Amino acid sequence: MADKGRALADRAGVPRVALGELVGCPECGGPAEVVDEFVLTATDGPIRHVKVQCLHRHWSVLPADRCPPAPLGGTTAG
């Protein structure tokens, strides 16, 4: 269902990632949960960012449209 959440956009056309959605951890590739979302203003317009935490307790903040897809089949070594 992650792709369905990414298909949504707010009124400004900024991609949305839902709180609680599973994505991939940018650091280890394991499953990570979106725990916060916010918009930062940039010269090209607003950019939606998300904060994710993975099972290995890595924290990352990145643009919502750059979230890796959730891994298939559970966790990875990391």
PDB file of N, CA and C in Angstrom:
ATOM      1  N   MET A   1       0.801  -1.207   0.000  1.00  0.00           N
ATOM      2  CA  MET A   1       0.000   0.000   0.000  1.00  0.00           C
ATOM      3  C   MET A   1       0.842   1.269   0.000  1.00  0.00           C
ATOM      4  N   ALA A   2       2.170   1.129   0.115  1.00  0.00           N
ATOM      5  CA  ALA A   2       3.028   2.303   0.156  1.00  0.00           C
ATOM      6  C   ALA A   2       2.882   3.135  -1.108  1.00  0.00           C
ATOM      7  N   ASP A   3       2.770   2.475  -2.267  1.00  0.00           N
ATOM      8  CA  ASP A   3       2.652   3.211  -3.507  1.00  0.00           C
ATOM      9  C   ASP A   3       1.367   4.029  -3.550  1.00  0.00           C
ATOM     10  N   LYS A   4       0.294   3.506  -2.955  1.00  0.00           N
ATOM     11  CA  LYS A   4      -0.956   4.251  -2.917  1.00  0.00           C
ATOM     12  C   LYS A   4      -0.770   5.547  -2.142  1.00  0.00           C
ATOM     13  N   GLY A   5      -0.084   5.509  -1.003  1.00  0.00           N
ATOM     14  CA  GLY A   5       0.165   6.701  -0.206  1.00  0.00           C
ATOM     15  C   GLY A   5       1.008   7.720  -0.948  1.00  0.00           C
ATOM     16  N   ARG A   6       1.975   7.243  -1.716  1.00  0.00           N
ATOM     17  CA  ARG A   6       2.835   8.150  -2.462  1.00  0.00           C
ATOM     18  C   ARG A   6       2.109   8.792  -3.630  1.00  0.00           C
ATOM     19  N   ALA A   7       1.066   8.151  -4.114  1.00  0.00           N
ATOM     20  CA  ALA A   7       0.323   8.705  -5.234  1.00  0.00           C
ATOM     21  C   ALA A   7      -0.481   9.925  -4.805  1.00  0.00           C
ATOM     22  N   LEU A   8      -0.735  10.060  -3.522  1.00  0.00           N
ATOM     23  CA  LEU A   8      -1.496  11.202  -3.027  1.00  0.00           C
ATOM     24  C   LEU A   8      -0.620  12.446  -3.021  1.00  0.00           C
ATOM     25  N   ALA A   9      -1.246  13.578  -3.210  1.00  0.00           N
ATOM     26  CA  ALA A   9      -0.530  14.844  -3.150  1.00  0.00           C
ATOM     27  C   ALA A   9      -1.438  15.873  -2.512  1.00  0.00           C
ATOM     28  N   ASP A  10      -0.829  16.869  -1.861  1.00  0.00           N
ATOM     29  CA  ASP A  10      -1.651  17.931  -1.292  1.00  0.00           C
ATOM     30  C   ASP A  10      -2.021  18.914  -2.401  1.00  0.00           C
ATOM     31  N   ARG A  11      -2.683  19.997  -2.048  1.00  0.00           N
ATOM     32  CA  ARG A  11      -3.167  20.942  -3.054  1.00  0.00           C
ATOM     33  C   ARG A  11      -2.051  21.580  -3.869  1.00  0.00           C
ATOM     34  N   ALA A  12      -0.846  21.678  -3.301  1.00  0.00           N
ATOM     35  CA  ALA A  12       0.275  22.272  -4.035  1.00  0.00           C
ATOM     36  C   ALA A  12       0.968  21.245  -4.921  1.00  0.00           C
ATOM     37  N   GLY A  13       0.474  19.989  -4.929  1.00  0.00           N
ATOM     38  CA  GLY A  13       1.085  18.962  -5.748  1.00  0.00           C
ATOM     39  C   GLY A  13       2.297  18.314  -5.106  1.00  0.00           C
ATOM     40  N   VAL A  14       2.515  18.574  -3.811  1.00  0.00           N
ATOM     41  CA  VAL A  14       3.661  18.011  -3.096  1.00  0.00           C
ATOM     42  C   VAL A  14       3.333  16.573  -2.715  1.00  0.00           C
ATOM     43  N   PRO A  15       4.195  15.591  -3.081  1.00  0.00           N
ATOM     44  CA  PRO A  15       3.918  14.192  -2.742  1.00  0.00           C
ATOM     45  C   PRO A  15       3.738  13.998  -1.243  1.00  0.00           C
ATOM     46  N   ARG A  16       2.808  13.123  -0.885  1.00  0.00           N
ATOM     47  CA  ARG A  16       2.546  12.850   0.522  1.00  0.00           C
ATOM     48  C   ARG A  16       2.934  11.427   0.854  1.00  0.00           C
ATOM     49  N   VAL A  17       3.471  11.248   2.022  1.00  0.00           N
ATOM     50  CA  VAL A  17       3.747   9.932   2.582  1.00  0.00           C
ATOM     51  C   VAL A  17       3.015   9.924   3.919  1.00  0.00           C
ATOM     52  N   ALA A  18       2.205   8.917   4.148  1.00  0.00           N
ATOM     53  CA  ALA A  18       1.352   8.879   5.330  1.00  0.00           C
ATOM     54  C   ALA A  18       2.138   8.508   6.585  1.00  0.00           C
ATOM     55  N   LEU A  19       1.759   9.112   7.715  1.00  0.00           N
ATOM     56  CA  LEU A  19       2.329   8.708   8.996  1.00  0.00           C
ATOM     57  C   LEU A  19       2.051   7.231   9.205  1.00  0.00           C
ATOM     58  N   GLY A  20       3.040   6.511   9.686  1.00  0.00           N
ATOM     59  CA  GLY A  20       2.889   5.089   9.923  1.00  0.00           C
ATOM     60  C   GLY A  20       3.170   4.239   8.696  1.00  0.00           C
ATOM     61  N   GLU A  21       3.347   4.861   7.541  1.00  0.00           N
ATOM     62  CA  GLU A  21       3.640   4.105   6.320  1.00  0.00           C
ATOM     63  C   GLU A  21       5.021   3.465   6.423  1.00  0.00           C
ATOM     64  N   LEU A  22       5.160   2.261   5.900  1.00  0.00           N
ATOM     65  CA  LEU A  22       6.453   1.592   5.869  1.00  0.00           C
ATOM     66  C   LEU A  22       7.192   1.956   4.593  1.00  0.00           C
ATOM     67  N   VAL A  23       8.445   2.365   4.767  1.00  0.00           N
ATOM     68  CA  VAL A  23       9.337   2.680   3.662  1.00  0.00           C
ATOM     69  C   VAL A  23      10.657   1.974   3.937  1.00  0.00           C
ATOM     70  N   GLY A  24      11.612   2.118   3.065  1.00  0.00           N
ATOM     71  CA  GLY A  24      12.934   1.553   3.305  1.00  0.00           C
ATOM     72  C   GLY A  24      13.803   2.519   4.085  1.00  0.00           C
ATOM     73  N   CYS A  25      14.681   1.984   4.929  1.00  0.00           N
ATOM     74  CA  CYS A  25      15.628   2.822   5.665  1.00  0.00           C
ATOM     75  C   CYS A  25      16.726   3.268   4.702  1.00  0.00           C
ATOM     76  N   PRO A  26      16.985   4.570   4.591  1.00  0.00           N
ATOM     77  CA  PRO A  26      18.037   5.044   3.691  1.00  0.00           C
ATOM     78  C   PRO A  26      19.428   4.566   4.101  1.00  0.00           C
ATOM     79  N   GLU A  27      19.608   4.227   5.381  1.00  0.00           N
ATOM     80  CA  GLU A  27      20.928   3.815   5.867  1.00  0.00           C
ATOM     81  C   GLU A  27      21.197   2.326   5.689  1.00  0.00           C
ATOM     82  N   CYS A  28      20.239   1.475   6.088  1.00  0.00           N
ATOM     83  CA  CYS A  28      20.499   0.026   6.063  1.00  0.00           C
ATOM     84  C   CYS A  28      19.598  -0.743   5.109  1.00  0.00           C
ATOM     85  N   GLY A  29      18.570  -0.105   4.567  1.00  0.00           N
ATOM     86  CA  GLY A  29      17.677  -0.779   3.637  1.00  0.00           C
ATOM     87  C   GLY A  29      16.579  -1.588   4.288  1.00  0.00           C
ATOM     88  N   GLY A  30      16.572  -1.665   5.619  1.00  0.00           N
ATOM     89  CA  GLY A  30      15.532  -2.397   6.333  1.00  0.00           C
ATOM     90  C   GLY A  30      14.231  -1.625   6.363  1.00  0.00           C
ATOM     91  N   PRO A  31      13.172  -2.225   6.917  1.00  0.00           N
ATOM     92  CA  PRO A  31      11.892  -1.521   7.006  1.00  0.00           C
ATOM     93  C   PRO A  31      11.967  -0.360   7.997  1.00  0.00           C
ATOM     94  N   ALA A  32      11.352   0.748   7.620  1.00  0.00           N
ATOM     95  CA  ALA A  32      11.325   1.940   8.470  1.00  0.00           C
ATOM     96  C   ALA A  32       9.917   2.508   8.459  1.00  0.00           C
ATOM     97  N   GLU A  33       9.546   3.146   9.556  1.00  0.00           N
ATOM     98  CA  GLU A  33       8.220   3.739   9.693  1.00  0.00           C
ATOM     99  C   GLU A  33       8.318   5.253   9.624  1.00  0.00           C
ATOM    100  N   VAL A  34       7.399   5.874   8.910  1.00  0.00           N
ATOM    101  CA  VAL A  34       7.314   7.334   8.871  1.00  0.00           C
ATOM    102  C   VAL A  34       6.706   7.790  10.194  1.00  0.00           C
ATOM    103  N   VAL A  35       7.478   8.572  10.971  1.00  0.00           N
ATOM    104  CA  VAL A  35       7.022   8.991  12.296  1.00  0.00           C
ATOM    105  C   VAL A  35       6.665  10.474  12.355  1.00  0.00           C
ATOM    106  N   ASP A  36       7.028  11.243  11.327  1.00  0.00           N
ATOM    107  CA  ASP A  36       6.682  12.662  11.308  1.00  0.00           C
ATOM    108  C   ASP A  36       6.756  13.147   9.860  1.00  0.00           C
ATOM    109  N   GLU A  37       5.997  14.183   9.561  1.00  0.00           N
ATOM    110  CA  GLU A  37       6.049  14.809   8.240  1.00  0.00           C
ATOM    111  C   GLU A  37       5.891  16.307   8.415  1.00  0.00           C
ATOM    112  N   PHE A  38       6.554  17.064   7.540  1.00  0.00           N
ATOM    113  CA  PHE A  38       6.494  18.520   7.609  1.00  0.00           C
ATOM    114  C   PHE A  38       6.922  19.078   6.268  1.00  0.00           C
ATOM    115  N   VAL A  39       6.634  20.352   6.047  1.00  0.00           N
ATOM    116  CA  VAL A  39       6.975  21.012   4.791  1.00  0.00           C
ATOM    117  C   VAL A  39       7.997  22.098   5.068  1.00  0.00           C
ATOM    118  N   LEU A  40       9.059  22.098   4.264  1.00  0.00           N
ATOM    119  CA  LEU A  40      10.068  23.153   4.328  1.00  0.00           C
ATOM    120  C   LEU A  40       9.980  23.960   3.036  1.00  0.00           C
ATOM    121  N   THR A  41      10.124  25.265   3.147  1.00  0.00           N
ATOM    122  CA  THR A  41      10.057  26.142   1.991  1.00  0.00           C
ATOM    123  C   THR A  41      11.421  26.174   1.304  1.00  0.00           C
ATOM    124  N   ALA A  42      11.403  26.100  -0.003  1.00  0.00           N
ATOM    125  CA  ALA A  42      12.624  26.184  -0.814  1.00  0.00           C
ATOM    126  C   ALA A  42      12.391  27.195  -1.921  1.00  0.00           C
ATOM    127  N   THR A  43      13.433  27.551  -2.638  1.00  0.00           N
ATOM    128  CA  THR A  43      13.283  28.542  -3.703  1.00  0.00           C
ATOM    129  C   THR A  43      12.371  28.052  -4.821  1.00  0.00           C
ATOM    130  N   ASP A  44      12.275  26.736  -5.001  1.00  0.00           N
ATOM    131  CA  ASP A  44      11.383  26.174  -6.023  1.00  0.00           C
ATOM    132  C   ASP A  44       9.989  25.878  -5.486  1.00  0.00           C
ATOM    133  N   GLY A  45       9.719  26.215  -4.244  1.00  0.00           N
ATOM    134  CA  GLY A  45       8.419  25.954  -3.647  1.00  0.00           C
ATOM    135  C   GLY A  45       8.532  25.042  -2.447  1.00  0.00           C
ATOM    136  N   PRO A  46       7.390  24.647  -1.883  1.00  0.00           N
ATOM    137  CA  PRO A  46       7.416  23.818  -0.675  1.00  0.00           C
ATOM    138  C   PRO A  46       7.896  22.395  -0.977  1.00  0.00           C
ATOM    139  N   ILE A  47       8.655  21.825  -0.032  1.00  0.00           N
ATOM    140  CA  ILE A  47       9.133  20.450  -0.152  1.00  0.00           C
ATOM    141  C   ILE A  47       8.712  19.701   1.100  1.00  0.00           C
ATOM    142  N   ARG A  48       7.909  18.648   0.905  1.00  0.00           N
ATOM    143  CA  ARG A  48       7.461  17.829   2.027  1.00  0.00           C
ATOM    144  C   ARG A  48       8.598  16.906   2.439  1.00  0.00           C
ATOM    145  N   HIS A  49       8.895  16.889   3.737  1.00  0.00           N
ATOM    146  CA  HIS A  49       9.930  16.026   4.300  1.00  0.00           C
ATOM    147  C   HIS A  49       9.285  15.046   5.276  1.00  0.00           C
ATOM    148  N   VAL A  50       9.942  13.925   5.474  1.00  0.00           N
ATOM    149  CA  VAL A  50       9.484  12.944   6.450  1.00  0.00           C
ATOM    150  C   VAL A  50      10.651  12.534   7.341  1.00  0.00           C
ATOM    151  N   LYS A  51      10.306  12.159   8.553  1.00  0.00           N
ATOM    152  CA  LYS A  51      11.277  11.604   9.493  1.00  0.00           C
ATOM    153  C   LYS A  51      10.929  10.131   9.634  1.00  0.00           C
ATOM    154  N   VAL A  52      11.919   9.254   9.432  1.00  0.00           N
ATOM    155  CA  VAL A  52      11.680   7.816   9.515  1.00  0.00           C
ATOM    156  C   VAL A  52      12.600   7.190  10.555  1.00  0.00           C
ATOM    157  N   GLN A  53      12.119   6.099  11.157  1.00  0.00           N
ATOM    158  CA  GLN A  53      12.929   5.321  12.092  1.00  0.00           C
ATOM    159  C   GLN A  53      12.812   3.857  11.702  1.00  0.00           C
ATOM    160  N   CYS A  54      13.958   3.171  11.619  1.00  0.00           N
ATOM    161  CA  CYS A  54      13.930   1.761  11.228  1.00  0.00           C
ATOM    162  C   CYS A  54      14.037   0.862  12.455  1.00  0.00           C
ATOM    163  N   LEU A  55      13.925  -0.440  12.215  1.00  0.00           N
ATOM    164  CA  LEU A  55      14.003  -1.429  13.290  1.00  0.00           C
ATOM    165  C   LEU A  55      15.358  -1.428  13.981  1.00  0.00           C
ATOM    166  N   HIS A  56      16.397  -0.963  13.273  1.00  0.00           N
ATOM    167  CA  HIS A  56      17.742  -0.909  13.850  1.00  0.00           C
ATOM    168  C   HIS A  56      18.005   0.432  14.531  1.00  0.00           C
ATOM    169  N   ARG A  57      16.929   1.223  14.726  1.00  0.00           N
ATOM    170  CA  ARG A  57      16.950   2.501  15.430  1.00  0.00           C
ATOM    171  C   ARG A  57      17.708   3.598  14.690  1.00  0.00           C
ATOM    172  N   HIS A  58      17.871   3.465  13.367  1.00  0.00           N
ATOM    173  CA  HIS A  58      18.414   4.569  12.576  1.00  0.00           C
ATOM    174  C   HIS A  58      17.305   5.601  12.383  1.00  0.00           C
ATOM    175  N   TRP A  59      17.653   6.878  12.454  1.00  0.00           N
ATOM    176  CA  TRP A  59      16.721   7.973  12.189  1.00  0.00           C
ATOM    177  C   TRP A  59      17.185   8.709  10.938  1.00  0.00           C
ATOM    178  N   SER A  60      16.268   9.082  10.087  1.00  0.00           N
ATOM    179  CA  SER A  60      16.599   9.851   8.882  1.00  0.00           C
ATOM    180  C   SER A  60      15.508  10.874   8.618  1.00  0.00           C
ATOM    181  N   VAL A  61      15.907  12.016   8.089  1.00  0.00           N
ATOM    182  CA  VAL A  61      14.970  13.034   7.606  1.00  0.00           C
ATOM    183  C   VAL A  61      15.312  13.254   6.145  1.00  0.00           C
ATOM    184  N   LEU A  62      14.311  13.123   5.270  1.00  0.00           N
ATOM    185  CA  LEU A  62      14.550  13.248   3.846  1.00  0.00           C
ATOM    186  C   LEU A  62      13.286  13.709   3.144  1.00  0.00           C
ATOM    187  N   PRO A  63      13.435  14.235   1.913  1.00  0.00           N
ATOM    188  CA  PRO A  63      12.243  14.617   1.150  1.00  0.00           C
ATOM    189  C   PRO A  63      11.350  13.404   0.931  1.00  0.00           C
ATOM    190  N   ALA A  64      10.060  13.606   1.039  1.00  0.00           N
ATOM    191  CA  ALA A  64       9.098  12.501   0.937  1.00  0.00           C
ATOM    192  C   ALA A  64       9.208  11.764  -0.393  1.00  0.00           C
ATOM    193  N   ASP A  65       9.509  12.477  -1.463  1.00  0.00           N
ATOM    194  CA  ASP A  65       9.580  11.813  -2.763  1.00  0.00           C
ATOM    195  C   ASP A  65      10.865  11.008  -2.957  1.00  0.00           C
ATOM    196  N   ARG A  66      11.749  11.035  -1.977  1.00  0.00           N
ATOM    197  CA  ARG A  66      12.995  10.267  -2.062  1.00  0.00           C
ATOM    198  C   ARG A  66      13.030   9.089  -1.093  1.00  0.00           C
ATOM    199  N   CYS A  67      11.891   8.748  -0.516  1.00  0.00           N
ATOM    200  CA  CYS A  67      11.828   7.594   0.392  1.00  0.00           C
ATOM    201  C   CYS A  67      12.027   6.313  -0.404  1.00  0.00           C
ATOM    202  N   PRO A  68      12.967   5.466   0.038  1.00  0.00           N
ATOM    203  CA  PRO A  68      13.118   4.173  -0.640  1.00  0.00           C
ATOM    204  C   PRO A  68      11.874   3.319  -0.404  1.00  0.00           C
ATOM    205  N   PRO A  69      11.535   2.432  -1.340  1.00  0.00           N
ATOM    206  CA  PRO A  69      10.385   1.552  -1.114  1.00  0.00           C
ATOM    207  C   PRO A  69      10.664   0.590   0.032  1.00  0.00           C
ATOM    208  N   ALA A  70       9.604   0.143   0.693  1.00  0.00           N
ATOM    209  CA  ALA A  70       9.748  -0.810   1.788  1.00  0.00           C
ATOM    210  C   ALA A  70      10.314  -2.116   1.240  1.00  0.00           C
ATOM    211  N   PRO A  71      11.233  -2.739   1.976  1.00  0.00           N
ATOM    212  CA  PRO A  71      11.776  -4.023   1.516  1.00  0.00           C
ATOM    213  C   PRO A  71      10.720  -5.113   1.572  1.00  0.00           C
ATOM    214  N   LEU A  72      10.825  -6.058   0.680  1.00  0.00           N
ATOM    215  CA  LEU A  72       9.911  -7.191   0.665  1.00  0.00           C
ATOM    216  C   LEU A  72      10.500  -8.310   1.508  1.00  0.00           C
ATOM    217  N   GLY A  73       9.671  -9.004   2.244  1.00  0.00           N
ATOM    218  CA  GLY A  73      10.122 -10.178   2.974  1.00  0.00           C
ATOM    219  C   GLY A  73      10.745  -9.926   4.324  1.00  0.00           C
ATOM    220  N   GLY A  74      10.520  -8.762   4.925  1.00  0.00           N
ATOM    221  CA  GLY A  74      10.982  -8.556   6.297  1.00  0.00           C
ATOM    222  C   GLY A  74      12.266  -7.770   6.386  1.00  0.00           C
ATOM    223  N   THR A  75      13.036  -8.044   7.442  1.00  0.00           N
ATOM    224  CA  THR A  75      14.202  -7.234   7.774  1.00  0.00           C
ATOM    225  C   THR A  75      15.419  -7.679   6.990  1.00  0.00           C
ATOM    226  N   THR A  76      16.423  -6.800   6.978  1.00  0.00           N
ATOM    227  CA  THR A  76      17.711  -7.115   6.387  1.00  0.00           C
ATOM    228  C   THR A  76      18.780  -6.953   7.443  1.00  0.00           C
ATOM    229  N   ALA A  77      19.890  -7.575   7.268  1.00  0.00           N
ATOM    230  CA  ALA A  77      20.988  -7.409   8.226  1.00  0.00           C
ATOM    231  C   ALA A  77      21.564  -6.021   8.056  1.00  0.00           C
ATOM    232  N   GLY A  78      21.846  -5.358   9.169  1.00  0.00           N
ATOM    233  CA  GLY A  78      22.358  -4.009   9.018  1.00  0.00           C
ATOM    234  C   GLY A  78      23.014  -3.545  10.194  1.00  0.00           C
TER     235      GLY A  78
END
